[in-house]
Amino acid sequence: MFGDRVVVPDCFRKRILHQLHRGHPGMERMKSLARSFVYWPNIDAVVEDYVRCCRSCAEAAKSPRKTDLESWPIPSKPWKRVHIDYAGPINGYYYFLVIDAYSKWPEIYRTRSTSTTKTLEILDEIFARYGKTLVSDNGSQFVSARFKQFCEEAGITHLTIALYHPQSNGQVERFVDTLKRGLKKLREGGNHPATFRHLQTFHSIYRSTPNRSAPDHKSPAELFLGRPITTTLDLLKPRKTPTPAVNSKQNNQFNRHHGTVKREFCTYDLVYK
């Protein structure tokens, strides 16, 4: 171990890199994920080379941003302000996106319809669990009379962005782009349609990866749930199941009684180096 990170021998590094890259999180997120679980010399450079050699990542890469945009202020707690939008259609499905502005926690719903009725069904489920402030664009389902009535009856503060200026809802617009690119990468170069399993893989990777835009660069799960979520990468770490120390003490007492110098220790026994 190197601190709380597993030191990976050279023969296993390729397998670990493949696991870290399972959800194609991008170069910076993959490095953050690697720093949370594993260590070997020059790991950042190895991750960078690995991502550059990924054809799916290269095909889905976006152009550099032309200008810097002014961001919304960061809320003081989770679910104080959320941003919503639709992405798609992607292989016949639309994806309703809900992003918490504080923790970056995403909720993604796959649907065949973007109607006001379907939108209200999803929001009714979400706001039954979470908060009551949201930001959206001026899509017809978001500015309809039924949607306005729903917000008034539920006590939801609904903010809409300036017309013809989707950048004002940048929190979710960036995530729309991230989702599309993520699903495209998971489809292995576009040879297979996006599936519900792809969506859950994206969910798991995004929620568990440290986010540079979040407070203290924590993962969405840590900020939203107050704890990291368990992923397959946690299997790298040794399981802490200490053997009762009495066994090793009894063995040592037995050896001393019979005049032997051999000492036996059990896993996780405390010893001096």
Protein backbone atom coordinates (compact mmCIF):
# COMPACT_ATOMS: atom_id res chain seq x y z
CA MET A 1 0.00 0.00 0.00
CA PHE A 2 1.08 3.60 -0.63
CA GLY A 3 -1.04 5.48 1.92
CA ASP A 4 -4.54 4.23 1.16
CA ARG A 5 -3.67 3.38 -2.47
CA VAL A 6 -2.74 -0.03 -3.81
CA VAL A 7 0.73 -0.26 -5.39
CA VAL A 8 0.18 -2.16 -8.64
CA PRO A 9 2.91 -4.45 -10.04
CA ASP A 10 3.85 -3.93 -13.68
CA CYS A 11 2.17 -7.16 -14.81
CA PHE A 12 -1.27 -5.95 -13.64
CA ARG A 13 -1.14 -2.31 -14.74
CA LYS A 14 -2.72 -2.84 -18.14
CA ARG A 15 -5.72 -4.57 -16.54
CA ILE A 16 -6.09 -1.76 -14.00
CA LEU A 17 -5.91 0.87 -16.74
CA HIS A 18 -8.65 -0.97 -18.64
CA GLN A 19 -10.84 -1.01 -15.52
CA LEU A 20 -10.24 2.69 -14.83
CA HIS A 21 -11.12 3.47 -18.45
CA ARG A 22 -14.25 1.27 -18.43
CA GLY A 23 -16.63 4.22 -18.61
CA HIS A 24 -14.37 6.41 -20.80
CA PRO A 25 -14.43 9.21 -18.20
CA GLY A 26 -11.86 11.38 -19.99
CA MET A 27 -8.23 12.10 -19.23
CA GLU A 28 -8.59 14.35 -16.16
CA ARG A 29 -11.36 12.32 -14.54
CA MET A 30 -9.47 9.09 -15.17
CA LYS A 31 -6.37 10.51 -13.47
CA SER A 32 -8.46 11.61 -10.49
CA LEU A 33 -10.02 8.16 -10.30
CA ALA A 34 -6.61 6.48 -10.47
CA ARG A 35 -5.23 8.68 -7.67
CA SER A 36 -8.09 7.51 -5.45
CA PHE A 37 -7.27 3.80 -5.71
CA VAL A 38 -3.88 2.87 -7.20
CA TYR A 39 -0.27 3.98 -7.49
CA TRP A 40 2.82 3.32 -9.56
CA PRO A 41 5.59 5.67 -10.77
CA ASN A 42 4.53 8.17 -13.47
CA ILE A 43 0.93 6.97 -13.35
CA ASP A 44 -0.41 10.31 -14.65
CA ALA A 45 1.74 10.10 -17.80
CA VAL A 46 0.68 6.48 -18.36
CA VAL A 47 -3.00 7.44 -18.06
CA GLU A 48 -2.53 10.31 -20.52
CA ASP A 49 -0.91 8.01 -23.09
CA TYR A 50 -3.64 5.41 -22.58
CA VAL A 51 -6.44 7.92 -23.23
CA ARG A 52 -4.67 9.39 -26.27
CA CYS A 53 -4.51 5.90 -27.80
CA CYS A 54 -8.25 5.28 -27.28
CA ARG A 55 -9.98 5.55 -30.65
CA SER A 56 -13.45 5.96 -29.13
CA CYS A 57 -12.27 8.89 -26.98
CA ALA A 58 -10.58 10.52 -29.97
CA GLU A 59 -13.70 10.21 -32.13
CA ALA A 60 -15.88 11.75 -29.41
CA ALA A 61 -13.46 14.54 -28.45
CA LYS A 62 -14.84 18.06 -28.56
CA SER A 63 -13.29 21.22 -29.99
CA PRO A 64 -11.58 23.71 -27.63
CA ARG A 65 -13.89 26.30 -26.10
CA LYS A 66 -13.70 29.63 -27.92
CA THR A 67 -14.53 31.91 -24.98
CA ASP A 68 -14.74 31.65 -21.21
CA LEU A 69 -18.29 31.62 -19.88
CA GLU A 70 -19.55 33.08 -16.62
CA SER A 71 -20.81 30.29 -14.39
CA TRP A 72 -23.75 30.23 -12.00
CA PRO A 73 -22.76 30.71 -8.34
CA ILE A 74 -22.15 27.46 -6.49
CA PRO A 75 -25.00 26.73 -4.02
CA SER A 76 -24.26 26.16 -0.34
CA LYS A 77 -25.75 22.66 -0.12
CA PRO A 78 -26.99 19.78 -2.28
CA TRP A 79 -30.18 20.10 -4.30
CA LYS A 80 -30.60 23.80 -3.60
CA ARG A 81 -30.56 24.43 -7.35
CA VAL A 82 -30.88 21.80 -10.08
CA HIS A 83 -30.70 22.13 -13.85
CA ILE A 84 -32.85 20.12 -16.25
CA ASP A 85 -32.89 19.43 -19.98
CA TYR A 86 -33.47 16.75 -22.58
CA ALA A 87 -30.73 15.09 -24.65
CA GLY A 88 -31.39 13.16 -27.81
CA PRO A 89 -32.86 11.45 -29.59
CA ILE A 90 -30.13 8.80 -29.30
CA ASN A 91 -31.09 5.51 -30.98
CA GLY A 92 -34.77 6.28 -30.55
CA TYR A 93 -34.58 7.37 -26.90
CA TYR A 94 -34.54 10.74 -25.20
CA TYR A 95 -32.64 11.28 -21.96
CA PHE A 96 -34.11 13.59 -19.33
CA LEU A 97 -31.20 15.05 -17.36
CA VAL A 98 -31.32 16.47 -13.86
CA ILE A 99 -28.04 17.87 -12.45
CA ASP A 100 -27.48 19.12 -8.90
CA ALA A 101 -25.47 22.35 -9.16
CA TYR A 102 -23.63 21.77 -5.85
CA SER A 103 -22.57 18.13 -5.93
CA LYS A 104 -22.82 17.56 -9.73
CA TRP A 105 -24.93 14.48 -8.90
CA PRO A 106 -26.78 13.38 -12.05
CA GLU A 107 -30.17 11.73 -12.40
CA ILE A 108 -30.80 10.44 -15.93
CA TYR A 109 -34.11 9.02 -17.18
CA ARG A 110 -34.44 7.27 -20.53
CA THR A 111 -37.79 7.88 -22.20
CA ARG A 112 -39.51 7.67 -25.56
CA SER A 113 -41.42 10.92 -25.03
CA THR A 114 -40.52 14.52 -24.16
CA SER A 115 -44.11 15.62 -23.59
CA THR A 116 -45.19 17.76 -20.67
CA THR A 117 -47.04 14.79 -19.17
CA LYS A 118 -43.97 12.56 -19.19
CA THR A 119 -41.75 15.38 -17.90
CA LEU A 120 -44.09 16.02 -14.97
CA GLU A 121 -44.21 12.31 -14.13
CA ILE A 122 -40.42 12.22 -13.84
CA LEU A 123 -40.18 15.48 -11.91
CA ASP A 124 -42.92 14.40 -9.52
CA GLU A 125 -40.83 11.32 -8.65
CA ILE A 126 -37.62 13.35 -8.29
CA PHE A 127 -39.01 16.14 -6.13
CA ALA A 128 -40.74 13.63 -3.89
CA ARG A 129 -37.20 12.62 -2.85
CA TYR A 130 -35.16 15.80 -3.23
CA GLY A 131 -35.41 19.58 -3.35
CA LYS A 132 -37.61 22.14 -5.05
CA THR A 133 -35.64 24.64 -7.17
CA LEU A 134 -34.84 24.07 -10.84
CA VAL A 135 -33.44 25.83 -13.90
CA SER A 136 -34.44 24.98 -17.47
CA ASP A 137 -34.44 26.35 -20.99
CA ASN A 138 -37.64 27.50 -22.69
CA GLY A 139 -38.64 24.18 -24.21
CA SER A 140 -42.36 23.83 -24.81
CA GLN A 141 -42.74 21.19 -22.09
CA PHE A 142 -41.08 23.53 -19.54
CA VAL A 143 -43.11 26.68 -20.27
CA SER A 144 -46.54 25.11 -20.70
CA ALA A 145 -49.47 26.06 -18.48
CA ARG A 146 -49.51 22.57 -16.95
CA PHE A 147 -45.84 22.82 -16.05
CA LYS A 148 -46.36 26.23 -14.46
CA GLN A 149 -49.32 24.91 -12.48
CA PHE A 150 -47.28 21.89 -11.33
CA CYS A 151 -44.51 24.15 -10.02
CA GLU A 152 -46.94 26.43 -8.21
CA GLU A 153 -48.78 23.55 -6.54
CA ALA A 154 -45.53 21.85 -5.47
CA GLY A 155 -43.88 25.08 -4.30
CA ILE A 156 -41.08 24.72 -6.85
CA THR A 157 -39.11 27.82 -7.84
CA HIS A 158 -38.70 27.56 -11.61
CA LEU A 159 -36.12 29.75 -13.38
CA THR A 160 -35.87 29.87 -17.18
CA ILE A 161 -32.83 31.07 -19.12
CA ALA A 162 -32.67 33.81 -21.74
CA LEU A 163 -34.22 32.89 -25.09
CA TYR A 164 -31.85 31.54 -27.76
CA HIS A 165 -28.99 31.43 -25.27
CA PRO A 166 -28.57 27.81 -24.10
CA GLN A 167 -25.18 28.65 -22.54
CA SER A 168 -27.11 30.24 -19.68
CA ASN A 169 -28.07 26.73 -18.63
CA GLY A 170 -24.46 25.63 -18.98
CA GLN A 171 -24.58 23.27 -15.99
CA VAL A 172 -26.85 20.84 -17.81
CA GLU A 173 -25.78 21.77 -21.36
CA ARG A 174 -22.24 20.62 -20.53
CA PHE A 175 -23.67 17.44 -19.10
CA VAL A 176 -25.72 16.83 -22.25
CA ASP A 177 -22.46 16.92 -24.18
CA THR A 178 -20.73 14.69 -21.59
CA LEU A 179 -23.56 12.13 -21.73
CA LYS A 180 -23.64 11.99 -25.53
CA ARG A 181 -19.88 11.52 -25.73
CA GLY A 182 -19.91 9.00 -22.90
CA LEU A 183 -22.60 6.85 -24.56
CA LYS A 184 -20.81 7.13 -27.90
CA LYS A 185 -17.57 5.86 -26.33
CA LEU A 186 -19.36 3.03 -24.55
CA ARG A 187 -20.86 1.92 -27.86
CA GLU A 188 -17.30 1.00 -28.91
CA GLY A 189 -16.99 3.38 -31.82
CA GLY A 190 -20.69 3.40 -32.71
CA ASN A 191 -20.96 -0.27 -33.68
CA HIS A 192 -23.66 -1.02 -31.12
CA PRO A 193 -26.71 1.00 -29.99
CA ALA A 194 -26.72 2.57 -26.54
CA THR A 195 -28.38 0.30 -24.00
CA PHE A 196 -29.81 0.71 -20.52
CA ARG A 197 -26.66 -1.02 -19.21
CA HIS A 198 -24.49 1.63 -20.89
CA LEU A 199 -26.49 4.29 -19.07
CA GLN A 200 -25.98 2.61 -15.69
CA THR A 201 -22.24 2.24 -16.35
CA PHE A 202 -22.07 5.95 -17.15
CA HIS A 203 -24.07 6.73 -13.99
CA SER A 204 -21.75 4.69 -11.77
CA ILE A 205 -18.50 6.08 -13.21
CA TYR A 206 -19.63 9.71 -13.21
CA ARG A 207 -21.04 9.64 -9.69
CA SER A 208 -17.92 8.01 -8.20
CA THR A 209 -15.26 10.09 -10.01
CA PRO A 210 -13.78 13.21 -8.32
CA ASN A 211 -14.98 16.37 -10.06
CA ARG A 212 -12.70 19.38 -10.43
CA SER A 213 -15.71 21.72 -10.57
CA ALA A 214 -17.13 20.47 -7.26
CA PRO A 215 -16.19 21.74 -3.78
CA ASP A 216 -12.85 20.23 -2.62
CA HIS A 217 -12.75 18.31 -5.93
CA LYS A 218 -14.85 15.55 -4.37
CA SER A 219 -17.00 13.07 -6.26
CA PRO A 220 -20.74 13.73 -6.71
CA ALA A 221 -21.49 10.79 -4.41
CA GLU A 222 -19.35 12.17 -1.56
CA LEU A 223 -21.03 15.58 -1.74
CA PHE A 224 -24.57 14.33 -2.31
CA LEU A 225 -24.64 11.20 -0.14
CA GLY A 226 -21.90 12.15 2.31
CA ARG A 227 -19.88 9.03 1.42
CA PRO A 228 -18.21 7.40 -1.59
CA ILE A 229 -20.19 4.73 -3.39
CA THR A 230 -18.78 1.24 -3.81
CA THR A 231 -17.48 0.33 -7.27
CA THR A 232 -15.52 -2.56 -8.74
CA LEU A 233 -12.32 -0.60 -8.09
CA ASP A 234 -12.89 -1.09 -4.35
CA LEU A 235 -12.10 -4.78 -4.90
CA LEU A 236 -8.46 -3.74 -5.37
CA LYS A 237 -8.14 -2.82 -1.72
CA PRO A 238 -7.50 -5.60 0.83
CA ARG A 239 -10.45 -6.58 2.97
CA LYS A 240 -9.93 -5.73 6.60
CA THR A 241 -10.92 -8.85 8.51
CA PRO A 242 -8.44 -8.96 11.39
CA THR A 243 -7.80 -12.31 13.03
CA PRO A 244 -8.17 -12.07 16.82
CA ALA A 245 -4.79 -11.22 18.33
CA VAL A 246 -5.21 -13.91 20.98
CA ASN A 247 -4.17 -16.55 18.44
CA SER A 248 -0.76 -15.01 17.83
CA LYS A 249 -0.27 -14.34 21.56
CA GLN A 250 -1.06 -17.96 22.41
CA ASN A 251 1.39 -19.14 19.77
CA ASN A 252 4.14 -16.88 21.09
CA GLN A 253 3.50 -17.97 24.69
CA PHE A 254 3.65 -21.60 23.61
CA ASN A 255 6.96 -21.04 21.80
CA ARG A 256 8.51 -19.19 24.78
CA HIS A 257 7.40 -21.93 27.19
CA HIS A 258 9.17 -24.58 25.10
CA GLY A 259 12.34 -22.53 24.71
CA THR A 260 11.95 -21.90 20.97
CA VAL A 261 12.69 -18.56 19.29
CA LYS A 262 10.35 -18.92 16.35
CA ARG A 263 7.57 -16.32 16.28
CA GLU A 264 4.37 -16.52 14.34
CA PHE A 265 2.13 -13.65 13.33
CA CYS A 266 -1.34 -13.45 11.90
CA THR A 267 -2.55 -11.04 9.24
CA TYR A 268 -3.04 -7.50 10.58
CA ASP A 269 -1.09 -8.18 13.82
CA LEU A 270 0.68 -5.03 15.03
CA VAL A 271 4.46 -5.48 14.99
CA TYR A 272 7.62 -3.37 15.17
CA LYS A 273 9.78 -3.17 12.06
